[in-house]
N, C-alpha and C. Protein backbone atom coordinates (compact mmCIF):
# COMPACT_ATOMS: atom_id res chain seq x y z
N UNK A 1 76.78 31.98 36.33
CA UNK A 1 76.39 33.22 35.83
C UNK A 1 75.30 32.52 34.79
N UNK A 2 75.42 31.76 34.28
CA UNK A 2 75.37 31.39 32.71
C UNK A 2 73.85 30.51 32.93
N UNK A 3 73.83 29.70 33.96
CA UNK A 3 73.01 29.57 34.29
C UNK A 3 72.00 29.79 34.78
N UNK A 4 72.03 30.71 35.32
CA UNK A 4 71.06 31.68 36.40
C UNK A 4 69.89 32.59 35.30
N UNK A 5 71.10 33.34 34.09
CA UNK A 5 70.45 33.50 32.71
C UNK A 5 69.73 32.70 32.09
N UNK A 6 70.18 31.43 31.59
CA UNK A 6 69.42 30.57 31.42
C UNK A 6 68.07 30.41 31.89
N UNK A 7 68.29 30.10 32.75
CA UNK A 7 67.09 29.75 34.04
C UNK A 7 66.24 31.09 33.70
N UNK A 8 66.41 32.63 33.68
CA UNK A 8 65.84 33.62 34.07
C UNK A 8 64.99 33.47 32.35
N UNK A 9 65.66 33.32 31.22
CA UNK A 9 65.16 33.84 29.71
C UNK A 9 63.84 32.37 29.62
N UNK A 10 64.38 30.95 30.28
CA UNK A 10 63.65 30.08 30.27
C UNK A 10 62.24 30.63 31.13
N UNK A 11 61.93 30.99 32.21
CA UNK A 11 60.80 31.51 33.03
C UNK A 11 60.38 32.09 31.62
N UNK A 12 60.97 33.48 31.41
CA UNK A 12 60.16 34.69 30.69
C UNK A 12 59.34 33.95 29.67
N UNK A 13 60.44 32.97 28.67
CA UNK A 13 60.06 32.10 27.98
C UNK A 13 58.06 31.43 28.33
N UNK A 14 57.92 30.77 29.10
CA UNK A 14 57.08 29.91 29.62
C UNK A 14 56.01 30.92 30.37
N UNK A 15 56.33 31.60 30.74
CA UNK A 15 55.00 32.67 31.35
C UNK A 15 54.88 33.36 30.09
N UNK A 16 55.32 33.55 28.75
CA UNK A 16 54.70 34.34 27.56
C UNK A 16 53.79 32.96 26.81
N UNK A 17 53.59 31.54 26.99
CA UNK A 17 53.03 31.20 26.55
C UNK A 17 51.35 31.39 26.38
N UNK A 18 50.60 30.91 25.47
CA UNK A 18 49.40 31.00 25.94
C UNK A 18 48.14 29.93 27.25
N UNK A 19 47.58 30.49 27.60
CA UNK A 19 47.03 29.61 29.44
C UNK A 19 46.52 29.01 28.42
N UNK A 20 46.02 27.83 29.35
CA UNK A 20 45.11 26.70 28.93
C UNK A 20 44.20 27.21 29.38
N UNK A 21 43.09 27.28 28.56
CA UNK A 21 41.56 28.02 28.96
C UNK A 21 40.51 26.64 29.08
N UNK A 22 40.79 25.50 28.89
CA UNK A 22 40.15 24.34 29.33
C UNK A 22 39.39 24.49 30.65
N UNK A 23 38.29 24.62 30.92
CA UNK A 23 38.25 24.40 32.45
C UNK A 23 38.19 23.23 32.72
N UNK A 24 38.60 22.65 34.15
CA UNK A 24 38.66 21.26 35.03
C UNK A 24 36.87 21.03 34.93
N UNK A 25 36.66 19.59 34.63
CA UNK A 25 35.53 19.48 35.18
C UNK A 25 35.31 19.16 36.99
N UNK A 26 34.55 20.59 36.78
CA UNK A 26 33.63 20.48 38.62
C UNK A 26 32.65 19.96 38.31
N UNK A 27 32.45 19.24 39.70
CA UNK A 27 31.14 18.56 40.26
C UNK A 27 30.66 19.66 41.52
N UNK A 28 29.49 20.33 41.54
CA UNK A 28 29.37 20.71 43.44
C UNK A 28 28.57 19.62 43.78
N UNK A 29 28.13 18.93 43.24
CA UNK A 29 27.14 17.51 43.92
C UNK A 29 26.52 16.96 42.97
N UNK A 30 25.41 16.15 43.12
CA UNK A 30 24.62 15.26 42.21
C UNK A 30 22.93 15.36 42.32
N UNK A 31 22.50 15.01 41.52
CA UNK A 31 20.94 14.33 41.14
C UNK A 31 21.42 13.14 40.90
N UNK A 32 20.13 12.86 41.53
CA UNK A 32 20.00 11.16 41.57
C UNK A 32 18.66 10.77 39.54
N UNK A 33 19.44 10.42 38.54
CA UNK A 33 18.71 10.02 37.64
C UNK A 33 18.60 8.60 37.25
N UNK A 34 17.45 7.55 37.27
CA UNK A 34 17.81 5.98 37.18
C UNK A 34 18.76 5.66 37.64
N UNK A 35 18.66 5.97 39.46
CA UNK A 35 19.67 5.33 39.89
C UNK A 35 20.97 5.83 39.93
N UNK A 36 21.34 6.26 39.20
CA UNK A 36 22.92 6.78 38.99
C UNK A 36 22.87 8.41 39.40
N UNK A 37 24.24 8.70 39.96
CA UNK A 37 24.47 10.09 39.74
C UNK A 37 24.69 11.30 38.86
N UNK A 38 24.16 11.73 38.89
CA UNK A 38 24.70 13.12 37.65
C UNK A 38 25.26 14.04 38.13
N UNK A 39 26.24 14.71 37.63
CA UNK A 39 26.99 15.86 38.55
C UNK A 39 26.27 17.09 37.99
N UNK A 40 26.00 18.08 38.90
CA UNK A 40 25.73 19.44 39.02
C UNK A 40 26.93 20.16 39.25
N UNK A 41 27.06 21.23 38.24
CA UNK A 41 28.05 21.58 37.76
C UNK A 41 28.34 23.18 37.84
N UNK A 42 29.20 23.84 37.92
CA UNK A 42 28.81 25.68 37.81
C UNK A 42 28.00 26.12 36.47
N UNK A 43 26.90 26.42 36.75
CA UNK A 43 26.20 27.16 35.39
C UNK A 43 27.01 28.79 35.38
N UNK A 44 25.46 29.03 34.44
CA UNK A 44 26.06 30.46 34.01
C UNK A 44 25.35 31.34 34.81
N UNK A 45 26.56 32.47 35.49
CA UNK A 45 26.22 33.77 35.68
C UNK A 45 25.15 34.57 35.31
N UNK A 46 25.17 34.46 34.09
CA UNK A 46 23.89 35.68 33.29
C UNK A 46 22.74 34.87 33.92
N UNK A 47 22.02 33.88 34.22
CA UNK A 47 20.87 33.33 34.92
C UNK A 47 21.09 33.95 36.41
N UNK A 48 21.90 34.05 37.17
CA UNK A 48 21.78 34.68 38.20
C UNK A 48 21.84 36.42 38.03
N UNK A 49 21.71 36.67 37.25
CA UNK A 49 21.07 38.63 36.62
C UNK A 49 19.46 38.13 36.62
N UNK A 50 18.83 37.35 35.96
CA UNK A 50 17.72 36.94 35.89
C UNK A 50 16.92 37.06 37.28
N UNK A 51 17.64 36.27 38.16
CA UNK A 51 16.60 36.23 39.60
C UNK A 51 17.00 38.04 40.09
N UNK A 52 18.32 38.34 40.00
CA UNK A 52 18.45 39.87 40.48
C UNK A 52 17.09 40.90 39.93
N UNK A 53 17.15 40.22 38.81
CA UNK A 53 16.29 41.56 38.13
C UNK A 53 14.82 41.24 38.37
N UNK A 54 14.74 39.97 38.55
CA UNK A 54 13.22 39.35 39.08
C UNK A 54 13.02 40.13 40.47
N UNK A 55 13.05 40.15 41.74
CA UNK A 55 13.21 40.65 42.45
C UNK A 55 12.92 42.15 42.45
N UNK A 56 14.26 42.54 41.95
CA UNK A 56 14.09 43.94 41.69
C UNK A 56 12.59 44.76 41.26
N UNK A 57 12.28 43.68 40.72
CA UNK A 57 10.83 43.87 39.99
C UNK A 57 9.90 43.59 41.08
N UNK A 58 9.85 43.14 41.49
CA UNK A 58 9.04 42.72 42.75
C UNK A 58 9.13 43.97 43.94
N UNK A 59 10.51 43.85 44.23
CA UNK A 59 10.38 45.24 44.73
C UNK A 59 9.87 46.86 44.65
N UNK A 60 9.87 46.67 43.65
CA UNK A 60 9.75 48.00 42.62
C UNK A 60 7.60 47.78 41.95
N UNK A 61 7.17 46.79 42.52
CA UNK A 61 6.11 46.11 42.21
C UNK A 61 5.60 46.41 40.92
N UNK A 62 6.76 45.91 39.62
CA UNK A 62 6.38 46.19 38.29
C UNK A 62 6.20 44.53 37.94
N UNK A 63 4.99 44.58 38.09
CA UNK A 63 4.67 42.99 37.89
C UNK A 63 4.68 42.60 36.18
N UNK A 64 4.40 44.11 35.28
CA UNK A 64 4.80 43.77 34.01
C UNK A 64 6.26 43.00 33.56
N UNK A 65 7.33 43.74 34.68
CA UNK A 65 8.91 43.51 34.75
C UNK A 65 8.86 41.76 34.82
N UNK A 66 8.00 41.61 35.86
CA UNK A 66 7.98 40.16 36.13
C UNK A 66 7.59 39.39 35.92
N UNK A 67 6.49 39.48 34.73
CA UNK A 67 5.68 39.05 33.98
C UNK A 67 7.08 38.69 32.73
N UNK A 68 7.59 39.58 32.05
CA UNK A 68 8.43 39.31 31.36
C UNK A 68 9.98 38.69 31.15
N UNK A 69 9.85 37.83 32.67
CA UNK A 69 10.60 36.91 33.00
C UNK A 69 10.66 36.23 33.27
N UNK A 70 9.16 35.61 32.67
CA UNK A 70 8.49 34.23 33.19
C UNK A 70 8.25 33.44 31.50
N UNK A 71 8.50 32.36 31.41
CA UNK A 71 7.54 31.95 30.73
C UNK A 71 6.55 31.83 30.26
N UNK A 72 5.46 31.81 29.49
CA UNK A 72 4.15 31.96 29.83
C UNK A 72 3.50 30.88 30.60
N UNK A 73 4.48 29.22 30.42
CA UNK A 73 3.91 28.56 31.00
C UNK A 73 4.63 27.60 32.11
N UNK A 74 4.67 28.97 33.01
CA UNK A 74 5.86 29.01 34.32
C UNK A 74 5.41 28.20 35.05
N UNK A 75 5.77 27.42 36.05
CA UNK A 75 5.12 26.73 37.09
C UNK A 75 5.62 27.41 38.15
N UNK A 76 4.94 27.07 39.63
CA UNK A 76 5.61 27.71 40.90
C UNK A 76 5.35 26.59 42.48
N UNK A 77 5.86 26.00 42.69
CA UNK A 77 5.67 25.47 43.78
C UNK A 77 5.87 26.50 45.25
N UNK A 78 4.56 26.47 45.99
CA UNK A 78 4.62 27.89 47.29
C UNK A 78 5.25 26.30 48.23
N UNK A 79 5.98 26.90 49.14
CA UNK A 79 6.07 26.55 50.72
C UNK A 79 5.12 26.04 51.34
N UNK A 80 3.54 26.21 51.03
CA UNK A 80 2.25 26.07 51.74
C UNK A 80 1.37 24.99 50.66
N UNK A 81 1.82 24.17 49.85
CA UNK A 81 1.75 23.53 48.64
C UNK A 81 0.80 24.31 47.93
N UNK A 82 0.84 25.38 47.85
CA UNK A 82 -0.11 25.61 46.75
C UNK A 82 1.11 25.67 45.20
N UNK A 83 -0.17 25.26 44.46
CA UNK A 83 0.60 24.95 42.70
C UNK A 83 0.11 26.14 42.04
N UNK A 84 0.95 26.91 41.28
CA UNK A 84 0.87 27.93 40.62
C UNK A 84 0.73 27.76 39.11
N UNK A 85 0.05 27.40 37.98
CA UNK A 85 0.26 26.95 37.08
C UNK A 85 -0.29 28.25 35.80
N UNK A 86 1.20 28.88 35.65
CA UNK A 86 1.66 29.80 34.37
C UNK A 86 1.55 31.08 34.67
N UNK A 87 2.20 31.80 34.08
CA UNK A 87 2.69 33.05 35.08
C UNK A 87 1.53 33.87 34.79
N UNK A 88 0.61 34.00 33.71
CA UNK A 88 -0.59 34.87 33.89
C UNK A 88 -1.38 34.47 35.51
N UNK A 89 -1.71 33.76 35.71
CA UNK A 89 -1.96 33.21 36.73
C UNK A 89 -1.09 33.46 38.24
N UNK A 90 0.35 33.57 38.00
CA UNK A 90 1.03 34.14 38.88
C UNK A 90 1.12 35.55 39.59
N UNK A 91 0.92 36.24 38.13
CA UNK A 91 0.70 37.27 38.06
C UNK A 91 -0.44 38.00 38.72
N UNK A 92 -1.46 36.78 38.55
CA UNK A 92 -2.65 37.56 38.89
C UNK A 92 -2.66 37.42 40.43
N UNK A 93 -2.55 36.20 41.33
CA UNK A 93 -2.19 35.93 42.37
C UNK A 93 -1.08 36.98 43.16
N UNK A 94 -0.45 37.93 42.15
CA UNK A 94 0.59 38.77 42.88
C UNK A 94 0.52 39.77 43.09
N UNK A 95 -0.91 40.31 42.02
CA UNK A 95 -1.50 41.54 42.17
C UNK A 95 -2.76 41.74 43.28
N UNK A 96 -2.73 40.54 43.74
CA UNK A 96 -4.12 40.00 45.15
C UNK A 96 -3.50 40.17 46.27
N UNK A 97 -1.81 39.70 46.34
CA UNK A 97 -1.40 39.57 47.56
C UNK A 97 -0.57 41.34 47.40
N UNK A 98 0.27 41.68 46.79
CA UNK A 98 0.75 42.67 46.69
C UNK A 98 -0.49 44.13 46.92
N UNK A 99 -1.87 43.69 46.44
CA UNK A 99 -2.58 44.89 46.37
C UNK A 99 -2.75 45.39 48.61
N UNK A 100 -2.74 43.57 49.51
CA UNK A 100 -3.32 43.48 50.43
C UNK A 100 -2.06 44.26 51.53
N UNK A 101 -0.99 44.32 50.93
CA UNK A 101 0.18 44.59 51.40
C UNK A 101 0.98 45.94 51.72
N UNK A 102 1.08 46.89 52.54
CA UNK A 102 1.35 48.00 52.20
C UNK A 102 3.06 48.07 52.32
N UNK A 103 3.80 47.16 52.80
CA UNK A 103 5.07 47.16 52.90
C UNK A 103 5.49 45.52 52.30
N UNK A 104 6.53 45.47 51.09
CA UNK A 104 7.01 44.07 50.86
C UNK A 104 8.56 44.31 50.28
N UNK A 105 8.80 44.03 50.60
CA UNK A 105 10.46 43.72 50.28
C UNK A 105 11.17 42.60 50.30
N UNK A 106 12.36 42.20 49.22
CA UNK A 106 12.37 40.86 48.85
C UNK A 106 14.07 41.32 48.87
N UNK A 107 14.87 40.73 49.92
CA UNK A 107 16.38 41.46 50.20
C UNK A 107 17.43 40.05 49.76
N UNK A 108 17.92 39.47 48.38
CA UNK A 108 18.79 38.81 48.05
C UNK A 108 19.95 38.71 49.27
N UNK A 109 20.36 37.32 49.74
CA UNK A 109 21.24 37.17 50.69
C UNK A 109 22.33 36.02 49.49
N UNK A 110 22.33 35.96 48.71
CA UNK A 110 23.20 34.94 48.13
C UNK A 110 21.97 34.37 46.76
N UNK A 111 23.12 34.17 46.22
CA UNK A 111 21.99 33.10 44.54
C UNK A 111 23.48 32.38 43.69
N UNK A 112 23.18 31.18 43.51
CA UNK A 112 23.94 30.53 42.99
C UNK A 112 23.38 30.17 41.34
N UNK A 113 24.41 29.70 40.36
CA UNK A 113 23.95 28.99 38.99
C UNK A 113 24.74 27.86 39.01
N UNK A 114 23.77 26.76 38.74
CA UNK A 114 24.19 25.43 38.67
C UNK A 114 23.53 24.76 37.41
N UNK A 115 24.10 24.12 36.57
CA UNK A 115 23.82 22.76 35.35
C UNK A 115 23.88 21.57 35.85
N UNK A 116 22.59 20.98 35.40
CA UNK A 116 22.44 19.51 35.60
C UNK A 116 22.61 18.51 34.43
N UNK A 117 23.73 18.08 34.38
CA UNK A 117 24.32 17.98 33.33
C UNK A 117 23.80 15.77 32.76
N UNK A 118 22.11 16.12 32.48
CA UNK A 118 21.25 14.77 32.75
C UNK A 118 21.82 13.84 31.28
N UNK A 119 22.05 12.28 31.37
CA UNK A 119 22.58 11.49 30.18
C UNK A 119 21.18 11.15 29.16
N UNK A 120 19.76 11.82 29.63
CA UNK A 120 18.99 11.12 29.33
C UNK A 120 17.83 12.32 28.70
N UNK A 121 18.47 13.59 28.78
CA UNK A 121 17.44 14.61 28.49
C UNK A 121 18.84 15.73 28.91
N UNK A 122 17.92 17.11 27.78
CA UNK A 122 18.82 18.28 28.03
C UNK A 122 19.68 18.53 29.75
N UNK A 123 20.55 19.61 29.65
CA UNK A 123 20.74 19.84 30.58
C UNK A 123 20.16 21.16 31.38
N UNK A 124 19.91 21.13 32.40
CA UNK A 124 19.05 21.68 32.70
C UNK A 124 19.89 23.13 33.50
N UNK A 125 19.67 24.47 33.81
CA UNK A 125 20.24 25.14 34.34
C UNK A 125 19.32 25.78 35.06
N UNK A 126 19.66 25.86 36.86
CA UNK A 126 18.75 25.97 38.09
C UNK A 126 19.38 27.07 38.69
N UNK A 127 18.79 28.18 38.93
CA UNK A 127 19.36 29.00 40.07
C UNK A 127 18.56 29.09 41.67
N UNK A 128 19.74 29.20 42.48
CA UNK A 128 19.14 28.45 43.75
C UNK A 128 19.30 30.06 44.79
N UNK A 129 18.39 30.68 45.37
CA UNK A 129 18.43 31.78 45.64
C UNK A 129 18.08 31.71 47.02
N UNK A 130 18.41 32.78 48.01
CA UNK A 130 18.42 32.52 49.27
C UNK A 130 17.83 34.43 49.66
N UNK A 131 16.92 34.35 50.31
CA UNK A 131 16.54 35.75 50.34
C UNK A 131 15.54 35.84 51.73
N UNK A 132 15.65 37.39 52.39
CA UNK A 132 14.77 37.76 53.21
C UNK A 132 13.90 38.16 52.83
N UNK A 133 12.56 38.42 53.00
CA UNK A 133 11.75 38.45 52.13
C UNK A 133 10.63 38.97 53.71
N UNK A 134 10.61 40.12 53.55
CA UNK A 134 9.54 41.19 55.02
C UNK A 134 8.63 41.60 54.48
N UNK A 135 7.20 41.54 54.94
CA UNK A 135 5.88 41.95 54.54
C UNK A 135 5.54 42.85 55.64
N UNK A 136 4.06 43.11 55.41
CA UNK A 136 3.19 43.74 56.57
C UNK A 136 3.06 45.21 56.51
N UNK A 137 3.12 45.99 57.55
CA UNK A 137 2.81 47.69 57.46
C UNK A 137 4.19 47.68 57.77
N UNK A 138 4.20 49.62 57.95
CA UNK A 138 5.24 50.24 58.25
C UNK A 138 5.71 49.74 59.90
N UNK A 139 4.56 49.65 60.61
CA UNK A 139 4.36 49.68 61.90
C UNK A 139 4.71 47.84 62.70
N UNK A 140 4.35 47.19 61.65
CA UNK A 140 3.97 45.60 61.88
C UNK A 140 4.45 44.89 60.44
N UNK A 141 6.17 44.26 60.89
CA UNK A 141 6.96 43.88 59.77
C UNK A 141 6.97 42.33 60.50
N UNK A 142 6.84 41.41 59.15
CA UNK A 142 7.10 40.09 59.75
C UNK A 142 8.65 39.74 58.45
N UNK A 143 9.52 39.03 58.85
CA UNK A 143 10.34 38.23 57.84
C UNK A 143 10.44 36.98 58.23
N UNK A 144 10.68 36.35 56.87
CA UNK A 144 10.74 35.01 56.74
C UNK A 144 12.12 35.51 55.62
N UNK A 145 12.89 33.49 55.92
CA UNK A 145 13.77 33.25 54.88
C UNK A 145 13.12 32.37 53.77
N UNK A 146 13.17 32.79 52.62
CA UNK A 146 13.14 31.60 51.43
C UNK A 146 14.27 31.21 50.29
N UNK A 147 14.49 30.05 50.26
CA UNK A 147 15.09 29.35 49.30
C UNK A 147 14.23 29.18 47.91
N UNK A 148 14.61 29.60 47.21
CA UNK A 148 13.94 29.71 45.91
C UNK A 148 14.72 29.23 44.44
N UNK A 149 14.27 28.18 44.31
CA UNK A 149 14.83 26.82 43.38
C UNK A 149 14.37 27.33 41.71
N UNK A 150 15.02 27.98 41.14
CA UNK A 150 14.32 28.23 39.83
C UNK A 150 14.93 27.99 38.75
N UNK A 151 14.02 27.27 37.83
CA UNK A 151 14.80 26.55 36.35
C UNK A 151 15.06 27.79 35.40
N UNK A 152 15.96 28.24 34.83
CA UNK A 152 16.13 29.05 34.03
C UNK A 152 16.38 28.60 32.29
N UNK A 153 15.53 29.18 31.63
CA UNK A 153 15.53 28.39 30.12
C UNK A 153 15.34 29.41 29.47
N UNK A 154 16.17 30.13 28.51
CA UNK A 154 16.44 31.00 27.23
C UNK A 154 16.49 32.55 28.58
N UNK A 155 17.21 32.59 29.36
CA UNK A 155 17.11 34.03 30.38
C UNK A 155 15.80 34.08 30.34
N UNK A 156 14.60 32.69 31.05
CA UNK A 156 13.52 33.59 31.55
C UNK A 156 13.05 32.05 32.82
N UNK A 157 12.31 32.58 33.91
CA UNK A 157 12.11 31.63 34.30
C UNK A 157 10.97 30.61 34.45
N UNK A 158 11.29 29.37 34.20
CA UNK A 158 10.50 28.18 33.84
C UNK A 158 9.86 27.41 34.69
N UNK A 159 10.31 27.31 35.82
CA UNK A 159 9.78 26.43 36.66
C UNK A 159 10.64 26.72 38.28
N UNK A 160 9.44 27.21 39.63
CA UNK A 160 10.33 27.27 40.52
C UNK A 160 9.30 26.73 41.70
N UNK A 161 10.44 26.48 42.89
CA UNK A 161 10.17 25.40 44.07
C UNK A 161 10.34 26.79 45.54
N UNK A 162 9.87 26.79 45.97
CA UNK A 162 9.81 27.75 46.90
C UNK A 162 9.61 26.94 48.50
N UNK A 163 11.58 27.40 49.49
CA UNK A 163 11.02 26.65 50.73
C UNK A 163 11.13 27.42 51.24
N UNK A 164 10.55 27.75 52.53
CA UNK A 164 10.81 28.94 53.59
C UNK A 164 10.65 28.18 55.16
N UNK A 165 11.64 29.47 55.78
CA UNK A 165 11.49 29.42 57.48
C UNK A 165 11.37 30.46 58.38
N UNK A 166 10.64 30.42 59.30
CA UNK A 166 10.34 31.58 60.12
C UNK A 166 11.74 31.88 60.51
N UNK A 167 12.41 33.39 60.45
CA UNK A 167 13.51 33.60 61.07
C UNK A 167 13.58 34.15 62.41
N UNK A 168 14.32 33.74 63.68
CA UNK A 168 14.59 34.46 65.00
C UNK A 168 13.94 35.70 65.01
N UNK A 169 13.48 36.01 66.03
CA UNK A 169 13.65 37.38 66.56
C UNK A 169 15.31 38.19 65.66
N UNK A 170 16.33 37.68 66.45
CA UNK A 170 17.67 38.10 66.44
C UNK A 170 18.16 38.37 65.12
N UNK A 171 17.73 37.12 64.13
CA UNK A 171 18.29 37.23 63.41
C UNK A 171 17.38 38.00 61.91
N UNK A 172 15.80 38.64 62.39
CA UNK A 172 15.22 39.79 62.13
C UNK A 172 15.12 40.68 62.41
N UNK A 173 16.21 41.36 62.94
CA UNK A 173 16.38 42.66 63.62
C UNK A 173 17.59 43.78 62.99
């Protein structure tokens, strides 16, 4: 009985100790820098909130909000080869495109924040997001799926690469 009591007291004391909050080094993958693999680690989830806000603003056609979430010198690389240089150019293009669309909806599927821990330059935070983008008229809509890779600096978008694929009819129902 004394051994059982000693075991219970020891277990109670050990369970009351402060937890070890030191994060383990986690690598989600890598990027190549100067022929060397550089770890890609989990990033701040607050960066995914920037992306959520960004596409919510697009859904509300609030381009002032969209602009407020971009650095003035943000750059955008579209899947059709278009390069957009700066937030001002991006907002002007967005006004033009949204002006021609009766319907436009950006639906987030998933989003993940990662940090690339370079050895020769500062760590970069990137948020990779999958979206279904539906455009057209109320009677004739087209949905594509996009992967948006956005660099987030100081809680604003700095650089964006967009990849796109056409969804099958079954997927877009």
